[in-house]
């Protein structure tokens, strides 16, 4: 599997919102990671989230390496954040 484009990724507004269209881009340097068009808040929020993906990936990896995901349970269900984090990394890598 190929590697993702290294961060940092940033969100940029492209063009001037005119009521007809707007565009959000997530970029790494000069490389465009993704483009979203539209004026709604969801597009803006999605672009912000995508731009933080490399940092979230790094945090998950470092947290697993440092053993920062204790297993927790409330007596009824077992919440296993380390298992969730490992699954996420498998799906990403």
C-alpha atoms as a PDB file:
ATOM      1  CA  UNK A   1       0.000   0.000   0.000  1.00  0.00           C
ATOM      2  CA  UNK A   2       1.326   3.467  -0.799  1.00  0.00           C
ATOM      3  CA  UNK A   3       1.923   6.094   1.861  1.00  0.00           C
ATOM      4  CA  UNK A   4      -0.181   9.203   2.341  1.00  0.00           C
ATOM      5  CA  UNK A   5       1.199  12.621   1.497  1.00  0.00           C
ATOM      6  CA  UNK A   6       3.119  13.892   4.518  1.00  0.00           C
ATOM      7  CA  UNK A   7       1.661  16.808   6.478  1.00  0.00           C
ATOM      8  CA  UNK A   8       1.118  19.441   7.355  1.00  0.00           C
ATOM      9  CA  UNK A   9      -2.072  19.745   5.376  1.00  0.00           C
ATOM     10  CA  UNK A  10      -3.899  23.059   5.361  1.00  0.00           C
ATOM     11  CA  UNK A  11      -7.342  24.209   4.313  1.00  0.00           C
ATOM     12  CA  UNK A  12      -7.643  27.089   1.886  1.00  0.00           C
ATOM     13  CA  UNK A  13     -10.552  28.976   0.397  1.00  0.00           C
ATOM     14  CA  UNK A  14     -10.309  29.236  -3.363  1.00  0.00           C
ATOM     15  CA  UNK A  15     -12.292  31.788  -5.274  1.00  0.00           C
ATOM     16  CA  UNK A  16     -14.765  34.280  -3.921  1.00  0.00           C
ATOM     17  CA  UNK A  17     -18.091  32.993  -2.627  1.00  0.00           C
ATOM     18  CA  UNK A  18     -20.606  34.674  -4.916  1.00  0.00           C
ATOM     19  CA  UNK A  19     -23.723  32.856  -3.885  1.00  0.00           C
ATOM     20  CA  UNK A  20     -23.241  30.483  -6.803  1.00  0.00           C
ATOM     21  CA  UNK A  21     -20.098  28.604  -5.839  1.00  0.00           C
ATOM     22  CA  UNK A  22     -17.166  28.448  -3.493  1.00  0.00           C
ATOM     23  CA  UNK A  23     -14.356  25.994  -3.181  1.00  0.00           C
ATOM     24  CA  UNK A  24     -12.348  24.671  -0.287  1.00  0.00           C
ATOM     25  CA  UNK A  25      -9.056  22.923  -0.905  1.00  0.00           C
ATOM     26  CA  UNK A  26      -6.894  20.882   1.416  1.00  0.00           C
ATOM     27  CA  UNK A  27      -3.268  21.174   0.346  1.00  0.00           C
ATOM     28  CA  UNK A  28       0.182  19.957   1.332  1.00  0.00           C
ATOM     29  CA  UNK A  29       2.521  22.598   0.007  1.00  0.00           C
ATOM     30  CA  UNK A  30       1.570  22.908  -3.662  1.00  0.00           C
ATOM     31  CA  UNK A  31      -0.086  19.485  -3.818  1.00  0.00           C
ATOM     32  CA  UNK A  32      -3.891  19.436  -3.686  1.00  0.00           C
ATOM     33  CA  UNK A  33      -5.157  16.670  -1.408  1.00  0.00           C
ATOM     34  CA  UNK A  34      -8.847  17.300  -2.084  1.00  0.00           C
ATOM     35  CA  UNK A  35     -11.310  19.904  -3.333  1.00  0.00           C
ATOM     36  CA  UNK A  36     -14.824  20.580  -2.137  1.00  0.00           C
ATOM     37  CA  UNK A  37     -17.323  22.906  -3.672  1.00  0.00           C
ATOM     38  CA  UNK A  38     -20.268  24.528  -2.028  1.00  0.00           C
ATOM     39  CA  UNK A  39     -21.255  27.247   0.353  1.00  0.00           C
ATOM     40  CA  UNK A  40     -22.618  25.203   3.204  1.00  0.00           C
ATOM     41  CA  UNK A  41     -20.945  24.837   6.586  1.00  0.00           C
ATOM     42  CA  UNK A  42     -20.585  21.069   6.122  1.00  0.00           C
ATOM     43  CA  UNK A  43     -18.077  21.541   3.290  1.00  0.00           C
ATOM     44  CA  UNK A  44     -16.052  23.933   5.429  1.00  0.00           C
ATOM     45  CA  UNK A  45     -16.157  21.559   8.424  1.00  0.00           C
ATOM     46  CA  UNK A  46     -15.195  18.561   6.277  1.00  0.00           C
ATOM     47  CA  UNK A  47     -12.232  20.457   4.823  1.00  0.00           C
ATOM     48  CA  UNK A  48     -11.052  21.391   8.335  1.00  0.00           C
ATOM     49  CA  UNK A  49     -11.319  17.769   9.485  1.00  0.00           C
ATOM     50  CA  UNK A  50      -9.488  16.382   6.446  1.00  0.00           C
ATOM     51  CA  UNK A  51      -6.704  18.938   6.882  1.00  0.00           C
ATOM     52  CA  UNK A  52      -6.019  17.552  10.375  1.00  0.00           C
ATOM     53  CA  UNK A  53      -5.825  13.893   9.255  1.00  0.00           C
ATOM     54  CA  UNK A  54      -1.997  13.638   9.318  1.00  0.00           C
ATOM     55  CA  UNK A  55      -1.889  15.039  12.865  1.00  0.00           C
ATOM     56  CA  UNK A  56      -4.622  12.657  14.046  1.00  0.00           C
ATOM     57  CA  UNK A  57      -2.794   9.728  12.432  1.00  0.00           C
ATOM     58  CA  UNK A  58       0.438  10.694  14.181  1.00  0.00           C
ATOM     59  CA  UNK A  59      -1.337  11.090  17.529  1.00  0.00           C
ATOM     60  CA  UNK A  60      -2.930   7.639  17.288  1.00  0.00           C
ATOM     61  CA  UNK A  61       0.405   6.052  16.412  1.00  0.00           C
ATOM     62  CA  UNK A  62       2.338   7.816  19.177  1.00  0.00           C
ATOM     63  CA  UNK A  63      -0.361   7.076  21.747  1.00  0.00           C
ATOM     64  CA  UNK A  64      -0.241   3.367  20.945  1.00  0.00           C
ATOM     65  CA  UNK A  65       3.544   3.333  21.143  1.00  0.00           C
ATOM     66  CA  UNK A  66       3.439   5.101  24.512  1.00  0.00           C
ATOM     67  CA  UNK A  67       0.710   2.822  25.861  1.00  0.00           C
ATOM     68  CA  UNK A  68      -1.685   5.745  26.340  1.00  0.00           C
ATOM     69  CA  UNK A  69      -4.827   3.726  25.659  1.00  0.00           C
ATOM     70  CA  UNK A  70      -5.842   1.908  28.835  1.00  0.00           C
ATOM     71  CA  UNK A  71      -8.652  -0.596  28.548  1.00  0.00           C
ATOM     72  CA  UNK A  72     -11.758   0.700  30.317  1.00  0.00           C
ATOM     73  CA  UNK A  73     -15.079  -0.822  31.248  1.00  0.00           C
ATOM     74  CA  UNK A  74     -18.186   0.256  33.105  1.00  0.00           C
ATOM     75  CA  UNK A  75     -19.205  -3.190  34.289  1.00  0.00           C
ATOM     76  CA  UNK A  76     -21.579  -3.753  31.376  1.00  0.00           C
ATOM     77  CA  UNK A  77     -19.481  -3.024  28.325  1.00  0.00           C
ATOM     78  CA  UNK A  78     -15.777  -3.026  27.716  1.00  0.00           C
ATOM     79  CA  UNK A  79     -14.503   0.009  25.845  1.00  0.00           C
ATOM     80  CA  UNK A  80     -11.186  -0.813  24.219  1.00  0.00           C
ATOM     81  CA  UNK A  81      -9.656   2.333  22.719  1.00  0.00           C
ATOM     82  CA  UNK A  82      -6.340   0.587  22.000  1.00  0.00           C
ATOM     83  CA  UNK A  83      -8.180  -1.982  19.890  1.00  0.00           C
ATOM     84  CA  UNK A  84     -10.039   0.775  18.047  1.00  0.00           C
ATOM     85  CA  UNK A  85      -6.772   2.656  17.454  1.00  0.00           C
ATOM     86  CA  UNK A  86      -5.035  -0.471  16.115  1.00  0.00           C
ATOM     87  CA  UNK A  87      -7.964  -1.125  13.778  1.00  0.00           C
ATOM     88  CA  UNK A  88      -7.813   2.464  12.502  1.00  0.00           C
ATOM     89  CA  UNK A  89      -4.096   2.186  11.821  1.00  0.00           C
ATOM     90  CA  UNK A  90      -4.564  -1.120   9.964  1.00  0.00           C
ATOM     91  CA  UNK A  91      -7.210   0.514   7.777  1.00  0.00           C
ATOM     92  CA  UNK A  92      -5.003   3.553   7.121  1.00  0.00           C
ATOM     93  CA  UNK A  93      -1.712   1.771   6.559  1.00  0.00           C
END
